[in-house]
Amino acid sequence: MPHRERYLFVCINRRDADNPKGSCAAKGSEEIAKELKDALVKRGAHKRIRACTSSCLDLCESGASIVVEPDHVVYGNVTLADVGEIADAAAAGTLVERLIVQPARPAK
């Protein structure tokens, strides 16, 4: 299995519609994951960067969420309109600062 430079874990957890926490899937994350994978292919970055789906990341309050590794940051309230910018940043090795809801923790 090839090691990638960066991984984008897109939460696609789905809870019951009446759950007060909501869920990323109900906020469009399944389509975001699909579009993000396509965007990375279009940019020729899919062999260096992997967009993966994930079950619950425990970030429901942050809307559709993506964990970016190895940067250890979380993007929140992600929409389809953000996908191109996320793919561009990942390909460039940068972050989309306006989407960061949980910054990297300092190393111990």
PDB file of N, CA and C in Angstrom:
ATOM      1  N   MET A   1       0.847  -1.176   0.000  1.00  0.00           N
ATOM      2  CA  MET A   1       0.000   0.000   0.000  1.00  0.00           C
ATOM      3  C   MET A   1       0.896   1.245   0.000  1.00  0.00           C
ATOM      4  N   PRO A   2       0.676   2.138  -0.941  1.00  0.00           N
ATOM      5  CA  PRO A   2       1.508   3.341  -0.987  1.00  0.00           C
ATOM      6  C   PRO A   2       1.162   4.307   0.142  1.00  0.00           C
ATOM      7  N   HIS A   3       2.180   4.924   0.684  1.00  0.00           N
ATOM      8  CA  HIS A   3       1.967   5.948   1.705  1.00  0.00           C
ATOM      9  C   HIS A   3       1.714   7.270   0.985  1.00  0.00           C
ATOM     10  N   ARG A   4       0.720   8.003   1.432  1.00  0.00           N
ATOM     11  CA  ARG A   4       0.382   9.284   0.814  1.00  0.00           C
ATOM     12  C   ARG A   4       0.937  10.427   1.652  1.00  0.00           C
ATOM     13  N   GLU A   5       1.130  11.571   1.028  1.00  0.00           N
ATOM     14  CA  GLU A   5       1.629  12.760   1.721  1.00  0.00           C
ATOM     15  C   GLU A   5       0.591  13.322   2.682  1.00  0.00           C
ATOM     16  N   ARG A   6      -0.660  13.181   2.310  1.00  0.00           N
ATOM     17  CA  ARG A   6      -1.730  13.794   3.095  1.00  0.00           C
ATOM     18  C   ARG A   6      -2.978  12.928   2.973  1.00  0.00           C
ATOM     19  N   TYR A   7      -3.730  12.869   4.054  1.00  0.00           N
ATOM     20  CA  TYR A   7      -4.998  12.149   4.080  1.00  0.00           C
ATOM     21  C   TYR A   7      -6.094  13.111   4.515  1.00  0.00           C
ATOM     22  N   LEU A   8      -7.221  13.038   3.845  1.00  0.00           N
ATOM     23  CA  LEU A   8      -8.388  13.843   4.180  1.00  0.00           C
ATOM     24  C   LEU A   8      -9.500  12.881   4.572  1.00  0.00           C
ATOM     25  N   PHE A   9      -9.798  12.815   5.865  1.00  0.00           N
ATOM     26  CA  PHE A   9     -10.821  11.906   6.377  1.00  0.00           C
ATOM     27  C   PHE A   9     -12.148  12.650   6.475  1.00  0.00           C
ATOM     28  N   VAL A  10     -13.082  12.278   5.627  1.00  0.00           N
ATOM     29  CA  VAL A  10     -14.387  12.941   5.562  1.00  0.00           C
ATOM     30  C   VAL A  10     -15.385  12.107   6.353  1.00  0.00           C
ATOM     31  N   CYS A  11     -15.934  12.680   7.410  1.00  0.00           N
ATOM     32  CA  CYS A  11     -16.923  11.975   8.217  1.00  0.00           C
ATOM     33  C   CYS A  11     -18.212  11.822   7.413  1.00  0.00           C
ATOM     34  N   ILE A  12     -18.694  10.581   7.312  1.00  0.00           N
ATOM     35  CA  ILE A  12     -19.983  10.340   6.661  1.00  0.00           C
ATOM     36  C   ILE A  12     -20.949   9.638   7.624  1.00  0.00           C
ATOM     37  N   ASN A  13     -20.708   9.830   8.914  1.00  0.00           N
ATOM     38  CA  ASN A  13     -21.575   9.220   9.919  1.00  0.00           C
ATOM     39  C   ASN A  13     -23.012   9.718   9.758  1.00  0.00           C
ATOM     40  N   ARG A  14     -23.942   8.800   9.911  1.00  0.00           N
ATOM     41  CA  ARG A  14     -25.364   9.142   9.825  1.00  0.00           C
ATOM     42  C   ARG A  14     -26.070   8.675  11.095  1.00  0.00           C
ATOM     43  N   ARG A  15     -26.755   9.605  11.732  1.00  0.00           N
ATOM     44  CA  ARG A  15     -27.563   9.302  12.920  1.00  0.00           C
ATOM     45  C   ARG A  15     -29.030   9.423  12.543  1.00  0.00           C
ATOM     46  N   ASP A  16     -29.879   8.974  13.436  1.00  0.00           N
ATOM     47  CA  ASP A  16     -31.322   9.142  13.239  1.00  0.00           C
ATOM     48  C   ASP A  16     -31.636  10.624  13.082  1.00  0.00           C
ATOM     49  N   ALA A  17     -32.611  10.919  12.261  1.00  0.00           N
ATOM     50  CA  ALA A  17     -32.971  12.315  11.964  1.00  0.00           C
ATOM     51  C   ALA A  17     -33.351  13.101  13.211  1.00  0.00           C
ATOM     52  N   ASP A  18     -33.872  12.431  14.231  1.00  0.00           N
ATOM     53  CA  ASP A  18     -34.299  13.137  15.440  1.00  0.00           C
ATOM     54  C   ASP A  18     -33.180  13.285  16.483  1.00  0.00           C
ATOM     55  N   ASN A  19     -31.967  12.831  16.160  1.00  0.00           N
ATOM     56  CA  ASN A  19     -30.855  12.962  17.096  1.00  0.00           C
ATOM     57  C   ASN A  19     -30.448  14.433  17.181  1.00  0.00           C
ATOM     58  N   PRO A  20     -30.417  15.014  18.377  1.00  0.00           N
ATOM     59  CA  PRO A  20     -30.093  16.440  18.517  1.00  0.00           C
ATOM     60  C   PRO A  20     -28.679  16.801  18.051  1.00  0.00           C
ATOM     61  N   LYS A  21     -27.766  15.831  18.031  1.00  0.00           N
ATOM     62  CA  LYS A  21     -26.406  16.110  17.565  1.00  0.00           C
ATOM     63  C   LYS A  21     -26.354  16.290  16.052  1.00  0.00           C
ATOM     64  N   GLY A  22     -27.324  15.726  15.355  1.00  0.00           N
ATOM     65  CA  GLY A  22     -27.270  15.740  13.900  1.00  0.00           C
ATOM     66  C   GLY A  22     -26.184  14.790  13.429  1.00  0.00           C
ATOM     67  N   SER A  23     -25.835  14.875  12.156  1.00  0.00           N
ATOM     68  CA  SER A  23     -24.764  14.040  11.627  1.00  0.00           C
ATOM     69  C   SER A  23     -24.171  14.678  10.385  1.00  0.00           C
ATOM     70  N   CYS A  24     -22.938  14.319  10.113  1.00  0.00           N
ATOM     71  CA  CYS A  24     -22.259  14.875   8.942  1.00  0.00           C
ATOM     72  C   CYS A  24     -22.958  14.452   7.654  1.00  0.00           C
ATOM     73  N   ALA A  25     -23.418  13.213   7.590  1.00  0.00           N
ATOM     74  CA  ALA A  25     -24.092  12.741   6.379  1.00  0.00           C
ATOM     75  C   ALA A  25     -25.326  13.580   6.085  1.00  0.00           C
ATOM     76  N   ALA A  26     -26.069  13.917   7.112  1.00  0.00           N
ATOM     77  CA  ALA A  26     -27.262  14.745   6.923  1.00  0.00           C
ATOM     78  C   ALA A  26     -26.903  16.158   6.473  1.00  0.00           C
ATOM     79  N   LYS A  27     -25.635  16.528   6.650  1.00  0.00           N
ATOM     80  CA  LYS A  27     -25.170  17.861   6.259  1.00  0.00           C
ATOM     81  C   LYS A  27     -24.402  17.818   4.933  1.00  0.00           C
ATOM     82  N   GLY A  28     -24.552  16.720   4.187  1.00  0.00           N
ATOM     83  CA  GLY A  28     -24.006  16.646   2.838  1.00  0.00           C
ATOM     84  C   GLY A  28     -22.631  16.036   2.679  1.00  0.00           C
ATOM     85  N   SER A  29     -22.116  15.393   3.717  1.00  0.00           N
ATOM     86  CA  SER A  29     -20.731  14.919   3.646  1.00  0.00           C
ATOM     87  C   SER A  29     -20.513  13.776   2.662  1.00  0.00           C
ATOM     88  N   GLU A  30     -21.537  12.977   2.403  1.00  0.00           N
ATOM     89  CA  GLU A  30     -21.348  11.877   1.446  1.00  0.00           C
ATOM     90  C   GLU A  30     -21.037  12.427   0.055  1.00  0.00           C
ATOM     91  N   GLU A  31     -21.745  13.445  -0.361  1.00  0.00           N
ATOM     92  CA  GLU A  31     -21.489  14.080  -1.655  1.00  0.00           C
ATOM     93  C   GLU A  31     -20.162  14.836  -1.632  1.00  0.00           C
ATOM     94  N   ILE A  32     -19.840  15.449  -0.496  1.00  0.00           N
ATOM     95  CA  ILE A  32     -18.553  16.139  -0.357  1.00  0.00           C
ATOM     96  C   ILE A  32     -17.405  15.153  -0.562  1.00  0.00           C
ATOM     97  N   ALA A  33     -17.491  13.976   0.052  1.00  0.00           N
ATOM     98  CA  ALA A  33     -16.434  12.965  -0.081  1.00  0.00           C
ATOM     99  C   ALA A  33     -16.261  12.555  -1.541  1.00  0.00           C
ATOM    100  N   LYS A  34     -17.357  12.310  -2.223  1.00  0.00           N
ATOM    101  CA  LYS A  34     -17.305  11.913  -3.632  1.00  0.00           C
ATOM    102  C   LYS A  34     -16.672  13.020  -4.482  1.00  0.00           C
ATOM    103  N   GLU A  35     -17.125  14.239  -4.290  1.00  0.00           N
ATOM    104  CA  GLU A  35     -16.602  15.368  -5.078  1.00  0.00           C
ATOM    105  C   GLU A  35     -15.131  15.644  -4.764  1.00  0.00           C
ATOM    106  N   LEU A  36     -14.739  15.446  -3.510  1.00  0.00           N
ATOM    107  CA  LEU A  36     -13.343  15.665  -3.130  1.00  0.00           C
ATOM    108  C   LEU A  36     -12.435  14.649  -3.818  1.00  0.00           C
ATOM    109  N   LYS A  37     -12.858  13.396  -3.848  1.00  0.00           N
ATOM    110  CA  LYS A  37     -12.076  12.372  -4.557  1.00  0.00           C
ATOM    111  C   LYS A  37     -11.940  12.744  -6.028  1.00  0.00           C
ATOM    112  N   ASP A  38     -13.038  13.142  -6.654  1.00  0.00           N
ATOM    113  CA  ASP A  38     -13.011  13.550  -8.063  1.00  0.00           C
ATOM    114  C   ASP A  38     -12.112  14.759  -8.277  1.00  0.00           C
ATOM    115  N   ALA A  39     -12.166  15.724  -7.357  1.00  0.00           N
ATOM    116  CA  ALA A  39     -11.354  16.940  -7.479  1.00  0.00           C
ATOM    117  C   ALA A  39      -9.866  16.621  -7.397  1.00  0.00           C
ATOM    118  N   LEU A  40      -9.496  15.679  -6.554  1.00  0.00           N
ATOM    119  CA  LEU A  40      -8.089  15.295  -6.452  1.00  0.00           C
ATOM    120  C   LEU A  40      -7.612  14.606  -7.728  1.00  0.00           C
ATOM    121  N   VAL A  41      -8.470  13.786  -8.322  1.00  0.00           N
ATOM    122  CA  VAL A  41      -8.126  13.134  -9.588  1.00  0.00           C
ATOM    123  C   VAL A  41      -7.947  14.183 -10.677  1.00  0.00           C
ATOM    124  N   LYS A  42      -8.868  15.127 -10.759  1.00  0.00           N
ATOM    125  CA  LYS A  42      -8.788  16.181 -11.782  1.00  0.00           C
ATOM    126  C   LYS A  42      -7.507  16.998 -11.661  1.00  0.00           C
ATOM    127  N   ARG A  43      -6.992  17.121 -10.460  1.00  0.00           N
ATOM    128  CA  ARG A  43      -5.775  17.892 -10.228  1.00  0.00           C
ATOM    129  C   ARG A  43      -4.515  17.026 -10.334  1.00  0.00           C
ATOM    130  N   GLY A  44      -4.712  15.734 -10.583  1.00  0.00           N
ATOM    131  CA  GLY A  44      -3.572  14.825 -10.665  1.00  0.00           C
ATOM    132  C   GLY A  44      -2.900  14.586  -9.332  1.00  0.00           C
ATOM    133  N   ALA A  45      -3.610  14.849  -8.250  1.00  0.00           N
ATOM    134  CA  ALA A  45      -3.031  14.746  -6.905  1.00  0.00           C
ATOM    135  C   ALA A  45      -3.437  13.468  -6.171  1.00  0.00           C
ATOM    136  N   HIS A  46      -4.259  12.642  -6.789  1.00  0.00           N
ATOM    137  CA  HIS A  46      -4.823  11.473  -6.103  1.00  0.00           C
ATOM    138  C   HIS A  46      -3.798  10.405  -5.740  1.00  0.00           C
ATOM    139  N   LYS A  47      -2.629  10.433  -6.315  1.00  0.00           N
ATOM    140  CA  LYS A  47      -1.603   9.455  -5.935  1.00  0.00           C
ATOM    141  C   LYS A  47      -0.762   9.943  -4.761  1.00  0.00           C
ATOM    142  N   ARG A  48      -0.850  11.240  -4.462  1.00  0.00           N
ATOM    143  CA  ARG A  48      -0.117  11.829  -3.325  1.00  0.00           C
ATOM    144  C   ARG A  48      -1.031  12.103  -2.140  1.00  0.00           C
ATOM    145  N   ILE A  49      -2.308  12.333  -2.442  1.00  0.00           N
ATOM    146  CA  ILE A  49      -3.280  12.727  -1.418  1.00  0.00           C
ATOM    147  C   ILE A  49      -4.477  11.797  -1.511  1.00  0.00           C
ATOM    148  N   ARG A  50      -4.930  11.314  -0.371  1.00  0.00           N
ATOM    149  CA  ARG A  50      -6.040  10.369  -0.344  1.00  0.00           C
ATOM    150  C   ARG A  50      -7.201  10.975   0.418  1.00  0.00           C
ATOM    151  N   ALA A  51      -8.349  11.029  -0.228  1.00  0.00           N
ATOM    152  CA  ALA A  51      -9.587  11.394   0.453  1.00  0.00           C
ATOM    153  C   ALA A  51     -10.277  10.091   0.827  1.00  0.00           C
ATOM    154  N   CYS A  52     -10.553   9.927   2.108  1.00  0.00           N
ATOM    155  CA  CYS A  52     -11.160   8.711   2.638  1.00  0.00           C
ATOM    156  C   CYS A  52     -12.436   9.068   3.391  1.00  0.00           C
ATOM    157  N   THR A  53     -13.375   8.149   3.404  1.00  0.00           N
ATOM    158  CA  THR A  53     -14.538   8.362   4.257  1.00  0.00           C
ATOM    159  C   THR A  53     -14.242   7.779   5.630  1.00  0.00           C
ATOM    160  N   SER A  54     -14.923   8.324   6.609  1.00  0.00           N
ATOM    161  CA  SER A  54     -14.717   7.918   7.987  1.00  0.00           C
ATOM    162  C   SER A  54     -16.063   7.814   8.685  1.00  0.00           C
ATOM    163  N   SER A  55     -16.119   6.976   9.696  1.00  0.00           N
ATOM    164  CA  SER A  55     -17.298   7.006  10.555  1.00  0.00           C
ATOM    165  C   SER A  55     -17.137   8.202  11.494  1.00  0.00           C
ATOM    166  N   CYS A  56     -17.868   8.231  12.551  1.00  0.00           N
ATOM    167  CA  CYS A  56     -17.942   9.404  13.424  1.00  0.00           C
ATOM    168  C   CYS A  56     -16.568   9.879  13.897  1.00  0.00           C
ATOM    169  N   LEU A  57     -16.353  11.184  13.726  1.00  0.00           N
ATOM    170  CA  LEU A  57     -15.129  11.828  14.209  1.00  0.00           C
ATOM    171  C   LEU A  57     -15.396  12.618  15.486  1.00  0.00           C
ATOM    172  N   ASP A  58     -16.630  12.530  15.997  1.00  0.00           N
ATOM    173  CA  ASP A  58     -17.042  13.198  17.228  1.00  0.00           C
ATOM    174  C   ASP A  58     -16.931  14.715  17.117  1.00  0.00           C
ATOM    175  N   LEU A  59     -17.303  15.235  15.944  1.00  0.00           N
ATOM    176  CA  LEU A  59     -17.230  16.673  15.693  1.00  0.00           C
ATOM    177  C   LEU A  59     -18.556  17.199  15.145  1.00  0.00           C
ATOM    178  N   CYS A  60     -19.642  16.608  15.577  1.00  0.00           N
ATOM    179  CA  CYS A  60     -20.966  16.923  15.039  1.00  0.00           C
ATOM    180  C   CYS A  60     -21.297  18.412  15.102  1.00  0.00           C
ATOM    181  N   GLU A  61     -20.834  19.067  16.138  1.00  0.00           N
ATOM    182  CA  GLU A  61     -21.141  20.486  16.307  1.00  0.00           C
ATOM    183  C   GLU A  61     -20.456  21.353  15.257  1.00  0.00           C
ATOM    184  N   SER A  62     -19.524  20.756  14.517  1.00  0.00           N
ATOM    185  CA  SER A  62     -18.782  21.504  13.504  1.00  0.00           C
ATOM    186  C   SER A  62     -19.322  21.290  12.095  1.00  0.00           C
ATOM    187  N   GLY A  63     -20.512  20.743  11.969  1.00  0.00           N
ATOM    188  CA  GLY A  63     -21.082  20.512  10.645  1.00  0.00           C
ATOM    189  C   GLY A  63     -20.337  19.413   9.925  1.00  0.00           C
ATOM    190  N   ALA A  64     -20.455  19.345   8.602  1.00  0.00           N
ATOM    191  CA  ALA A  64     -19.703  18.352   7.830  1.00  0.00           C
ATOM    192  C   ALA A  64     -18.225  18.598   8.107  1.00  0.00           C
ATOM    193  N   SER A  65     -17.517  17.539   8.545  1.00  0.00           N
ATOM    194  CA  SER A  65     -16.152  17.697   9.043  1.00  0.00           C
ATOM    195  C   SER A  65     -15.157  16.844   8.278  1.00  0.00           C
ATOM    196  N   ILE A  66     -13.940  17.364   8.185  1.00  0.00           N
ATOM    197  CA  ILE A  66     -12.831  16.656   7.550  1.00  0.00           C
ATOM    198  C   ILE A  66     -11.616  16.798   8.464  1.00  0.00           C
ATOM    199  N   VAL A  67     -10.978  15.678   8.777  1.00  0.00           N
ATOM    200  CA  VAL A  67      -9.721  15.702   9.518  1.00  0.00           C
ATOM    201  C   VAL A  67      -8.602  15.615   8.485  1.00  0.00           C
ATOM    202  N   VAL A  68      -7.635  16.518   8.605  1.00  0.00           N
ATOM    203  CA  VAL A  68      -6.512  16.592   7.669  1.00  0.00           C
ATOM    204  C   VAL A  68      -5.260  16.082   8.381  1.00  0.00           C
ATOM    205  N   GLU A  69      -4.691  15.028   7.829  1.00  0.00           N
ATOM    206  CA  GLU A  69      -3.456  14.459   8.377  1.00  0.00           C
ATOM    207  C   GLU A  69      -2.374  14.488   7.327  1.00  0.00           C
ATOM    208  N   PRO A  70      -1.143  14.758   7.671  1.00  0.00           N
ATOM    209  CA  PRO A  70      -0.558  14.755   9.002  1.00  0.00           C
ATOM    210  C   PRO A  70      -0.605  16.104   9.706  1.00  0.00           C
ATOM    211  N   ASP A  71      -1.434  17.018   9.238  1.00  0.00           N
ATOM    212  CA  ASP A  71      -1.488  18.354   9.833  1.00  0.00           C
ATOM    213  C   ASP A  71      -2.227  18.394  11.162  1.00  0.00           C
ATOM    214  N   HIS A  72      -3.009  17.355  11.454  1.00  0.00           N
ATOM    215  CA  HIS A  72      -3.765  17.264  12.710  1.00  0.00           C
ATOM    216  C   HIS A  72      -4.730  18.430  12.897  1.00  0.00           C
ATOM    217  N   VAL A  73      -5.408  18.826  11.823  1.00  0.00           N
ATOM    218  CA  VAL A  73      -6.408  19.883  11.920  1.00  0.00           C
ATOM    219  C   VAL A  73      -7.756  19.355  11.461  1.00  0.00           C
ATOM    220  N   VAL A  74      -8.790  20.077  11.858  1.00  0.00           N
ATOM    221  CA  VAL A  74     -10.155  19.725  11.484  1.00  0.00           C
ATOM    222  C   VAL A  74     -10.771  20.883  10.720  1.00  0.00           C
ATOM    223  N   TYR A  75     -11.347  20.564   9.568  1.00  0.00           N
ATOM    224  CA  TYR A  75     -12.170  21.514   8.837  1.00  0.00           C
ATOM    225  C   TYR A  75     -13.607  21.279   9.263  1.00  0.00           C
ATOM    226  N   GLY A  76     -14.344  22.364   9.461  1.00  0.00           N
ATOM    227  CA  GLY A  76     -15.744  22.235   9.850  1.00  0.00           C
ATOM    228  C   GLY A  76     -16.650  23.062   8.975  1.00  0.00           C
ATOM    229  N   ASN A  77     -17.940  22.722   9.036  1.00  0.00           N
ATOM    230  CA  ASN A  77     -18.971  23.391   8.235  1.00  0.00           C
ATOM    231  C   ASN A  77     -18.605  23.390   6.755  1.00  0.00           C
ATOM    232  N   VAL A  78     -18.009  22.296   6.306  1.00  0.00           N
ATOM    233  CA  VAL A  78     -17.604  22.162   4.914  1.00  0.00           C
ATOM    234  C   VAL A  78     -18.837  21.976   4.040  1.00  0.00           C
ATOM    235  N   THR A  79     -18.836  22.633   2.882  1.00  0.00           N
ATOM    236  CA  THR A  79     -19.913  22.489   1.900  1.00  0.00           C
ATOM    237  C   THR A  79     -19.301  22.073   0.563  1.00  0.00           C
ATOM    238  N   LEU A  80     -20.159  21.708  -0.368  1.00  0.00           N
ATOM    239  CA  LEU A  80     -19.689  21.369  -1.716  1.00  0.00           C
ATOM    240  C   LEU A  80     -18.914  22.523  -2.347  1.00  0.00           C
ATOM    241  N   ALA A  81     -19.298  23.738  -2.028  1.00  0.00           N
ATOM    242  CA  ALA A  81     -18.624  24.912  -2.582  1.00  0.00           C
ATOM    243  C   ALA A  81     -17.162  25.006  -2.124  1.00  0.00           C
ATOM    244  N   ASP A  82     -16.801  24.325  -1.047  1.00  0.00           N
ATOM    245  CA  ASP A  82     -15.435  24.372  -0.506  1.00  0.00           C
ATOM    246  C   ASP A  82     -14.514  23.319  -1.105  1.00  0.00           C
ATOM    247  N   VAL A  83     -15.062  22.346  -1.806  1.00  0.00           N
ATOM    248  CA  VAL A  83     -14.285  21.190  -2.256  1.00  0.00           C
ATOM    249  C   VAL A  83     -13.094  21.585  -3.119  1.00  0.00           C
ATOM    250  N   GLY A  84     -13.276  22.447  -4.090  1.00  0.00           N
ATOM    251  CA  GLY A  84     -12.175  22.849  -4.963  1.00  0.00           C
ATOM    252  C   GLY A  84     -11.045  23.492  -4.192  1.00  0.00           C
ATOM    253  N   GLU A  85     -11.390  24.363  -3.260  1.00  0.00           N
ATOM    254  CA  GLU A  85     -10.380  25.043  -2.452  1.00  0.00           C
ATOM    255  C   GLU A  85      -9.631  24.050  -1.563  1.00  0.00           C
ATOM    256  N   ILE A  86     -10.351  23.084  -1.006  1.00  0.00           N
ATOM    257  CA  ILE A  86      -9.716  22.058  -0.168  1.00  0.00           C
ATOM    258  C   ILE A  86      -8.761  21.218  -1.009  1.00  0.00           C
ATOM    259  N   ALA A  87      -9.185  20.813  -2.196  1.00  0.00           N
ATOM    260  CA  ALA A  87      -8.331  20.008  -3.079  1.00  0.00           C
ATOM    261  C   ALA A  87      -7.094  20.801  -3.506  1.00  0.00           C
ATOM    262  N   ASP A  88      -7.279  22.067  -3.846  1.00  0.00           N
ATOM    263  CA  ASP A  88      -6.140  22.911  -4.234  1.00  0.00           C
ATOM    264  C   ASP A  88      -5.138  23.036  -3.087  1.00  0.00           C
ATOM    265  N   ALA A  89      -5.641  23.284  -1.886  1.00  0.00           N
ATOM    266  CA  ALA A  89      -4.766  23.442  -0.723  1.00  0.00           C
ATOM    267  C   ALA A  89      -4.031  22.141  -0.419  1.00  0.00           C
ATOM    268  N   ALA A  90      -4.742  21.022  -0.452  1.00  0.00           N
ATOM    269  CA  ALA A  90      -4.101  19.734  -0.179  1.00  0.00           C
ATOM    270  C   ALA A  90      -3.003  19.461  -1.195  1.00  0.00           C
ATOM    271  N   ALA A  91      -3.262  19.739  -2.455  1.00  0.00           N
ATOM    272  CA  ALA A  91      -2.265  19.522  -3.509  1.00  0.00           C
ATOM    273  C   ALA A  91      -1.048  20.417  -3.321  1.00  0.00           C
ATOM    274  N   ALA A  92      -1.268  21.609  -2.795  1.00  0.00           N
ATOM    275  CA  ALA A  92      -0.174  22.559  -2.567  1.00  0.00           C
ATOM    276  C   ALA A  92       0.524  22.350  -1.227  1.00  0.00           C
ATOM    277  N   GLY A  93      -0.032  21.489  -0.373  1.00  0.00           N
ATOM    278  CA  GLY A  93       0.552  21.272   0.947  1.00  0.00           C
ATOM    279  C   GLY A  93       0.221  22.373   1.928  1.00  0.00           C
ATOM    280  N   THR A  94      -0.888  23.071   1.678  1.00  0.00           N
ATOM    281  CA  THR A  94      -1.318  24.145   2.569  1.00  0.00           C
ATOM    282  C   THR A  94      -2.678  23.792   3.157  1.00  0.00           C
ATOM    283  N   LEU A  95      -3.202  24.689   3.964  1.00  0.00           N
ATOM    284  CA  LEU A  95      -4.497  24.486   4.606  1.00  0.00           C
ATOM    285  C   LEU A  95      -5.453  25.602   4.228  1.00  0.00           C
ATOM    286  N   VAL A  96      -6.730  25.322   4.336  1.00  0.00           N
ATOM    287  CA  VAL A  96      -7.762  26.333   4.125  1.00  0.00           C
ATOM    288  C   VAL A  96      -8.083  26.903   5.508  1.00  0.00           C
ATOM    289  N   GLU A  97      -7.396  27.966   5.852  1.00  0.00           N
ATOM    290  CA  GLU A  97      -7.472  28.533   7.206  1.00  0.00           C
ATOM    291  C   GLU A  97      -8.895  28.855   7.640  1.00  0.00           C
ATOM    292  N   ARG A  98      -9.726  29.366   6.743  1.00  0.00           N
ATOM    293  CA  ARG A  98     -11.085  29.779   7.118  1.00  0.00           C
ATOM    294  C   ARG A  98     -11.969  28.604   7.529  1.00  0.00           C
ATOM    295  N   LEU A  99     -11.580  27.382   7.184  1.00  0.00           N
ATOM    296  CA  LEU A  99     -12.377  26.206   7.540  1.00  0.00           C
ATOM    297  C   LEU A  99     -11.887  25.507   8.807  1.00  0.00           C
ATOM    298  N   ILE A 100     -10.743  25.909   9.320  1.00  0.00           N
ATOM    299  CA  ILE A 100     -10.160  25.219  10.479  1.00  0.00           C
ATOM    300  C   ILE A 100     -10.967  25.528  11.736  1.00  0.00           C
ATOM    301  N   VAL A 101     -11.491  24.485  12.364  1.00  0.00           N
ATOM    302  CA  VAL A 101     -12.216  24.660  13.615  1.00  0.00           C
ATOM    303  C   VAL A 101     -11.442  24.084  14.800  1.00  0.00           C
ATOM    304  N   GLN A 102     -10.496  23.226  14.506  1.00  0.00           N
ATOM    305  CA  GLN A 102      -9.670  22.662  15.577  1.00  0.00           C
ATOM    306  C   GLN A 102      -8.237  22.660  15.083  1.00  0.00           C
ATOM    307  N   PRO A 103      -7.445  23.624  15.538  1.00  0.00           N
ATOM    308  CA  PRO A 103      -6.052  23.682  15.085  1.00  0.00           C
ATOM    309  C   PRO A 103      -5.222  22.531  15.622  1.00  0.00           C
ATOM    310  N   ALA A 104      -4.084  22.345  15.028  1.00  0.00           N
ATOM    311  CA  ALA A 104      -3.164  21.308  15.468  1.00  0.00           C
ATOM    312  C   ALA A 104      -2.762  21.545  16.910  1.00  0.00           C
ATOM    313  N   ARG A 105      -2.620  20.469  17.640  1.00  0.00           N
ATOM    314  CA  ARG A 105      -2.124  20.569  19.023  1.00  0.00           C
ATOM    315  C   ARG A 105      -0.607  20.563  19.005  1.00  0.00           C
ATOM    316  N   PRO A 106      -0.003  21.338  19.858  1.00  0.00           N
ATOM    317  CA  PRO A 106       1.470  21.335  19.899  1.00  0.00           C
ATOM    318  C   PRO A 106       1.990  19.966  20.303  1.00  0.00           C
ATOM    319  N   ALA A 107       3.133  19.600  19.778  1.00  0.00           N
ATOM    320  CA  ALA A 107       3.765  18.333  20.144  1.00  0.00           C
ATOM    321  C   ALA A 107       4.187  18.373  21.603  1.00  0.00           C
ATOM    322  N   LYS A 108       4.125  17.240  22.250  1.00  0.00           N
ATOM    323  CA  LYS A 108       4.518  17.165  23.677  1.00  0.00           C
ATOM    324  C   LYS A 108       5.981  16.910  23.801  1.00  0.00           C
TER     325      LYS A 108
END
